[in-house]
């Protein structure tokens, strides 16, 4: 194999590894964005529940 062919093969291999790393990074980013969305939604739910309790506190008369 000539040096030029070897260099081209190495470059193609680096490109392939980089493309795979980019795909994995994009998948991880999508998972993190989805997780952040779920966390925010849960936080909004908890905050809404706290606001509801302030507006209409639970009855303490036992009935």
PDB file of N, CA and C in Angstrom:
ATOM      1  N   UNK A   1       0.856  -1.176   0.000  1.00  0.00           N
ATOM      2  CA  UNK A   1       0.000   0.000   0.000  1.00  0.00           C
ATOM      3  C   UNK A   1       0.901   1.238   0.000  1.00  0.00           C
ATOM      4  N   UNK A   2       0.615   2.153  -0.881  1.00  0.00           N
ATOM      5  CA  UNK A   2       1.406   3.374  -0.974  1.00  0.00           C
ATOM      6  C   UNK A   2       1.041   4.315   0.167  1.00  0.00           C
ATOM      7  N   UNK A   3       1.968   5.211   0.527  1.00  0.00           N
ATOM      8  CA  UNK A   3       1.688   6.151   1.631  1.00  0.00           C
ATOM      9  C   UNK A   3       0.405   6.956   1.416  1.00  0.00           C
ATOM     10  N   UNK A   4       0.143   7.336   0.167  1.00  0.00           N
ATOM     11  CA  UNK A   4      -1.074   8.097  -0.132  1.00  0.00           C
ATOM     12  C   UNK A   4      -2.312   7.269   0.189  1.00  0.00           C
ATOM     13  N   UNK A   5      -2.311   6.001  -0.212  1.00  0.00           N
ATOM     14  CA  UNK A   5      -3.462   5.130   0.049  1.00  0.00           C
ATOM     15  C   UNK A   5      -3.642   4.907   1.542  1.00  0.00           C
ATOM     16  N   UNK A   6      -2.537   4.752   2.244  1.00  0.00           N
ATOM     17  CA  UNK A   6      -2.600   4.562   3.693  1.00  0.00           C
ATOM     18  C   UNK A   6      -3.167   5.806   4.376  1.00  0.00           C
ATOM     19  N   UNK A   7      -2.722   6.966   3.939  1.00  0.00           N
ATOM     20  CA  UNK A   7      -3.221   8.214   4.520  1.00  0.00           C
ATOM     21  C   UNK A   7      -4.713   8.377   4.245  1.00  0.00           C
ATOM     22  N   UNK A   8      -5.142   8.021   3.052  1.00  0.00           N
ATOM     23  CA  UNK A   8      -6.565   8.116   2.714  1.00  0.00           C
ATOM     24  C   UNK A   8      -7.384   7.140   3.557  1.00  0.00           C
ATOM     25  N   UNK A   9      -6.876   5.931   3.739  1.00  0.00           N
ATOM     26  CA  UNK A   9      -7.581   4.940   4.554  1.00  0.00           C
ATOM     27  C   UNK A   9      -7.695   5.429   5.995  1.00  0.00           C
ATOM     28  N   UNK A  10      -6.616   6.002   6.518  1.00  0.00           N
ATOM     29  CA  UNK A  10      -6.646   6.541   7.884  1.00  0.00           C
ATOM     30  C   UNK A  10      -7.644   7.690   7.992  1.00  0.00           C
ATOM     31  N   UNK A  11      -7.662   8.544   6.995  1.00  0.00           N
ATOM     32  CA  UNK A  11      -8.593   9.675   7.015  1.00  0.00           C
ATOM     33  C   UNK A  11     -10.037   9.188   6.974  1.00  0.00           C
ATOM     34  N   UNK A  12     -10.321   8.194   6.130  1.00  0.00           N
ATOM     35  CA  UNK A  12     -11.682   7.643   6.067  1.00  0.00           C
ATOM     36  C   UNK A  12     -12.080   7.027   7.411  1.00  0.00           C
ATOM     37  N   UNK A  13     -11.144   6.331   8.045  1.00  0.00           N
ATOM     38  CA  UNK A  13     -11.434   5.724   9.345  1.00  0.00           C
ATOM     39  C   UNK A  13     -11.721   6.799  10.392  1.00  0.00           C
ATOM     40  N   UNK A  14     -10.942   7.866  10.391  1.00  0.00           N
ATOM     41  CA  UNK A  14     -11.187   8.966  11.333  1.00  0.00           C
ATOM     42  C   UNK A  14     -12.548   9.611  11.073  1.00  0.00           C
ATOM     43  N   UNK A  15     -12.884   9.773   9.809  1.00  0.00           N
ATOM     44  CA  UNK A  15     -14.196  10.341   9.464  1.00  0.00           C
ATOM     45  C   UNK A  15     -15.310   9.438   9.970  1.00  0.00           C
ATOM     46  N   UNK A  16     -15.176   8.140   9.766  1.00  0.00           N
ATOM     47  CA  UNK A  16     -16.207   7.198  10.231  1.00  0.00           C
ATOM     48  C   UNK A  16     -16.353   7.248  11.742  1.00  0.00           C
ATOM     49  N   UNK A  17     -15.226   7.269  12.462  1.00  0.00           N
ATOM     50  CA  UNK A  17     -15.291   7.340  13.928  1.00  0.00           C
ATOM     51  C   UNK A  17     -15.928   8.647  14.383  1.00  0.00           C
ATOM     52  N   UNK A  18     -15.585   9.728  13.699  1.00  0.00           N
ATOM     53  CA  UNK A  18     -16.152  11.027  14.051  1.00  0.00           C
ATOM     54  C   UNK A  18     -17.655  11.059  13.797  1.00  0.00           C
ATOM     55  N   UNK A  19     -18.089  10.478  12.691  1.00  0.00           N
ATOM     56  CA  UNK A  19     -19.524  10.437  12.398  1.00  0.00           C
ATOM     57  C   UNK A  19     -20.271   9.616  13.438  1.00  0.00           C
ATOM     58  N   UNK A  20     -19.694   8.494  13.862  1.00  0.00           N
ATOM     59  CA  UNK A  20     -20.332   7.682  14.904  1.00  0.00           C
ATOM     60  C   UNK A  20     -20.401   8.446  16.223  1.00  0.00           C
ATOM     61  N   UNK A  21     -19.319   9.140  16.560  1.00  0.00           N
ATOM     62  CA  UNK A  21     -19.308   9.928  17.792  1.00  0.00           C
ATOM     63  C   UNK A  21     -20.354  11.031  17.727  1.00  0.00           C
ATOM     64  N   UNK A  22     -20.505  11.657  16.570  1.00  0.00           N
ATOM     65  CA  UNK A  22     -21.513  12.698  16.403  1.00  0.00           C
ATOM     66  C   UNK A  22     -22.919  12.126  16.566  1.00  0.00           C
ATOM     67  N   UNK A  23     -23.173  10.972  15.984  1.00  0.00           N
ATOM     68  CA  UNK A  23     -24.487  10.336  16.133  1.00  0.00           C
ATOM     69  C   UNK A  23     -24.780  10.024  17.593  1.00  0.00           C
ATOM     70  N   UNK A  24     -23.786   9.480  18.307  1.00  0.00           N
ATOM     71  CA  UNK A  24     -23.983   9.179  19.731  1.00  0.00           C
ATOM     72  C   UNK A  24     -24.238  10.455  20.517  1.00  0.00           C
ATOM     73  N   UNK A  25     -23.503  11.510  20.190  1.00  0.00           N
ATOM     74  CA  UNK A  25     -23.694  12.789  20.878  1.00  0.00           C
ATOM     75  C   UNK A  25     -25.090  13.339  20.632  1.00  0.00           C
ATOM     76  N   UNK A  26     -25.567  13.235  19.403  1.00  0.00           N
ATOM     77  CA  UNK A  26     -26.916  13.719  19.091  1.00  0.00           C
ATOM     78  C   UNK A  26     -27.972  12.909  19.829  1.00  0.00           C
ATOM     79  N   UNK A  27     -27.772  11.598  19.933  1.00  0.00           N
ATOM     80  CA  UNK A  27     -28.718  10.758  20.675  1.00  0.00           C
ATOM     81  C   UNK A  27     -28.717  11.134  22.152  1.00  0.00           C
ATOM     82  N   UNK A  28     -27.522  11.343  22.715  1.00  0.00           N
ATOM     83  CA  UNK A  28     -27.431  11.723  24.124  1.00  0.00           C
ATOM     84  C   UNK A  28     -28.071  13.083  24.358  1.00  0.00           C
ATOM     85  N   UNK A  29     -27.870  14.013  23.438  1.00  0.00           N
ATOM     86  CA  UNK A  29     -28.481  15.333  23.555  1.00  0.00           C
ATOM     87  C   UNK A  29     -30.004  15.225  23.537  1.00  0.00           C
ATOM     88  N   UNK A  30     -30.530  14.417  22.637  1.00  0.00           N
ATOM     89  CA  UNK A  30     -31.984  14.233  22.562  1.00  0.00           C
ATOM     90  C   UNK A  30     -32.521  13.636  23.864  1.00  0.00           C
ATOM     91  N   UNK A  31     -31.794  12.667  24.428  1.00  0.00           N
ATOM     92  CA  UNK A  31     -32.222  12.072  25.698  1.00  0.00           C
ATOM     93  C   UNK A  31     -32.187  13.107  26.813  1.00  0.00           C
ATOM     94  N   UNK A  32     -31.143  13.931  26.844  1.00  0.00           N
ATOM     95  CA  UNK A  32     -31.032  14.950  27.884  1.00  0.00           C
ATOM     96  C   UNK A  32     -32.124  16.000  27.761  1.00  0.00           C
ATOM     97  N   UNK A  33     -32.445  16.387  26.538  1.00  0.00           N
ATOM     98  CA  UNK A  33     -33.520  17.358  26.333  1.00  0.00           C
ATOM     99  C   UNK A  33     -34.849  16.774  26.799  1.00  0.00           C
ATOM    100  N   UNK A  34     -35.094  15.516  26.481  1.00  0.00           N
ATOM    101  CA  UNK A  34     -36.338  14.865  26.919  1.00  0.00           C
ATOM    102  C   UNK A  34     -36.387  14.784  28.443  1.00  0.00           C
ATOM    103  N   UNK A  35     -35.262  14.457  29.062  1.00  0.00           N
ATOM    104  CA  UNK A  35     -35.213  14.374  30.520  1.00  0.00           C
ATOM    105  C   UNK A  35     -35.474  15.742  31.143  1.00  0.00           C
ATOM    106  N   UNK A  36     -34.861  16.781  30.594  1.00  0.00           N
ATOM    107  CA  UNK A  36     -35.090  18.133  31.106  1.00  0.00           C
ATOM    108  C   UNK A  36     -36.557  18.522  30.985  1.00  0.00           C
ATOM    109  N   UNK A  37     -37.176  18.151  29.890  1.00  0.00           N
ATOM    110  CA  UNK A  37     -38.597  18.458  29.698  1.00  0.00           C
ATOM    111  C   UNK A  37     -39.449  17.756  30.744  1.00  0.00           C
ATOM    112  N   UNK A  38     -39.132  16.490  31.020  1.00  0.00           N
ATOM    113  CA  UNK A  38     -39.893  15.759  32.047  1.00  0.00           C
ATOM    114  C   UNK A  38     -39.680  16.378  33.424  1.00  0.00           C
ATOM    115  N   UNK A  39     -38.447  16.778  33.723  1.00  0.00           N
ATOM    116  CA  UNK A  39     -38.163  17.398  35.021  1.00  0.00           C
ATOM    117  C   UNK A  39     -38.922  18.714  35.146  1.00  0.00           C
ATOM    118  N   UNK A  40     -38.912  19.521  34.096  1.00  0.00           N
ATOM    119  CA  UNK A  40     -39.636  20.797  34.134  1.00  0.00           C
ATOM    120  C   UNK A  40     -41.134  20.571  34.303  1.00  0.00           C
ATOM    121  N   UNK A  41     -41.672  19.595  33.597  1.00  0.00           N
ATOM    122  CA  UNK A  41     -43.103  19.303  33.707  1.00  0.00           C
ATOM    123  C   UNK A  41     -43.448  18.865  35.125  1.00  0.00           C
ATOM    124  N   UNK A  42     -42.608  18.030  35.714  1.00  0.00           N
ATOM    125  CA  UNK A  42     -42.846  17.577  37.088  1.00  0.00           C
ATOM    126  C   UNK A  42     -42.773  18.760  38.049  1.00  0.00           C
ATOM    127  N   UNK A  43     -41.799  19.638  37.843  1.00  0.00           N
ATOM    128  CA  UNK A  43     -41.664  20.813  38.705  1.00  0.00           C
ATOM    129  C   UNK A  43     -42.894  21.708  38.587  1.00  0.00           C
ATOM    130  N   UNK A  44     -43.390  21.904  37.353  1.00  0.00           N
ATOM    131  CA  UNK A  44     -44.597  22.725  37.172  1.00  0.00           C
ATOM    132  C   UNK A  44     -45.792  22.101  37.884  1.00  0.00           C
ATOM    133  N   UNK A  45     -45.888  20.788  37.842  1.00  0.00           N
ATOM    134  CA  UNK A  45     -46.979  20.096  38.515  1.00  0.00           C
ATOM    135  C   UNK A  45     -46.909  20.306  40.022  1.00  0.00           C
ATOM    136  N   UNK A  46     -45.718  20.175  40.590  1.00  0.00           N
ATOM    137  CA  UNK A  46     -45.544  20.372  42.033  1.00  0.00           C
ATOM    138  C   UNK A  46     -45.865  21.819  42.408  1.00  0.00           C
ATOM    139  N   UNK A  47     -45.367  22.765  41.612  1.00  0.00           N
ATOM    140  CA  UNK A  47     -45.642  24.174  41.899  1.00  0.00           C
ATOM    141  C   UNK A  47     -47.134  24.478  41.807  1.00  0.00           C
ATOM    142  N   UNK A  48     -47.811  23.897  40.840  1.00  0.00           N
ATOM    143  CA  UNK A  48     -49.258  24.102  40.712  1.00  0.00           C
ATOM    144  C   UNK A  48     -49.988  23.524  41.918  1.00  0.00           C
ATOM    145  N   UNK A  49     -49.549  22.378  42.387  1.00  0.00           N
ATOM    146  CA  UNK A  49     -50.177  21.770  43.566  1.00  0.00           C
ATOM    147  C   UNK A  49     -49.987  22.665  44.785  1.00  0.00           C
ATOM    148  N   UNK A  50     -48.796  23.252  44.934  1.00  0.00           N
ATOM    149  CA  UNK A  50     -48.556  24.162  46.060  1.00  0.00           C
ATOM    150  C   UNK A  50     -49.448  25.401  45.956  1.00  0.00           C
ATOM    151  N   UNK A  51     -49.601  25.926  44.750  1.00  0.00           N
ATOM    152  CA  UNK A  51     -50.470  27.095  44.578  1.00  0.00           C
ATOM    153  C   UNK A  51     -51.919  26.743  44.912  1.00  0.00           C
ATOM    154  N   UNK A  52     -52.347  25.566  44.521  1.00  0.00           N
ATOM    155  CA  UNK A  52     -53.713  25.144  44.804  1.00  0.00           C
ATOM    156  C   UNK A  52     -53.942  25.041  46.306  1.00  0.00           C
ATOM    157  N   UNK A  53     -52.965  24.517  47.028  1.00  0.00           N
ATOM    158  CA  UNK A  53     -53.106  24.398  48.482  1.00  0.00           C
ATOM    159  C   UNK A  53     -53.190  25.779  49.115  1.00  0.00           C
ATOM    160  N   UNK A  54     -52.448  26.742  48.589  1.00  0.00           N
ATOM    161  CA  UNK A  54     -52.514  28.100  49.134  1.00  0.00           C
ATOM    162  C   UNK A  54     -53.877  28.731  48.859  1.00  0.00           C
ATOM    163  N   UNK A  55     -54.440  28.459  47.685  1.00  0.00           N
ATOM    164  CA  UNK A  55     -55.738  29.031  47.317  1.00  0.00           C
ATOM    165  C   UNK A  55     -56.861  28.357  48.093  1.00  0.00           C
ATOM    166  N   UNK A  56     -56.813  27.043  48.199  1.00  0.00           N
ATOM    167  CA  UNK A  56     -57.881  26.267  48.832  1.00  0.00           C
ATOM    168  C   UNK A  56     -57.255  25.259  49.792  1.00  0.00           C
ATOM    169  N   UNK A  57     -56.856  25.724  50.994  1.00  0.00           N
ATOM    170  CA  UNK A  57     -56.203  24.799  51.932  1.00  0.00           C
ATOM    171  C   UNK A  57     -57.132  23.658  52.317  1.00  0.00           C
ATOM    172  N   UNK A  58     -56.545  22.516  52.644  1.00  0.00           N
ATOM    173  CA  UNK A  58     -57.374  21.380  53.061  1.00  0.00           C
ATOM    174  C   UNK A  58     -58.148  21.714  54.334  1.00  0.00           C
ATOM    175  N   UNK A  59     -59.305  21.147  54.437  1.00  0.00           N
ATOM    176  CA  UNK A  59     -60.159  21.363  55.603  1.00  0.00           C
ATOM    177  C   UNK A  59     -59.519  20.737  56.830  1.00  0.00           C
ATOM    178  N   UNK A  60     -59.589  21.448  57.981  1.00  0.00           N
ATOM    179  CA  UNK A  60     -59.027  20.915  59.227  1.00  0.00           C
ATOM    180  C   UNK A  60     -60.113  20.573  60.231  1.00  0.00           C
ATOM    181  N   UNK A  61     -61.376  20.572  59.798  1.00  0.00           N
ATOM    182  CA  UNK A  61     -62.471  20.299  60.732  1.00  0.00           C
ATOM    183  C   UNK A  61     -62.788  18.815  60.850  1.00  0.00           C
ATOM    184  N   UNK A  62     -62.028  17.994  60.127  1.00  0.00           N
ATOM    185  CA  UNK A  62     -62.212  16.557  60.242  1.00  0.00           C
ATOM    186  C   UNK A  62     -63.388  16.019  59.467  1.00  0.00           C
ATOM    187  N   UNK A  63     -63.959  16.782  58.611  1.00  0.00           N
ATOM    188  CA  UNK A  63     -65.116  16.248  57.938  1.00  0.00           C
ATOM    189  C   UNK A  63     -65.377  16.939  56.700  1.00  0.00           C
TER     190      UNK A  63
END
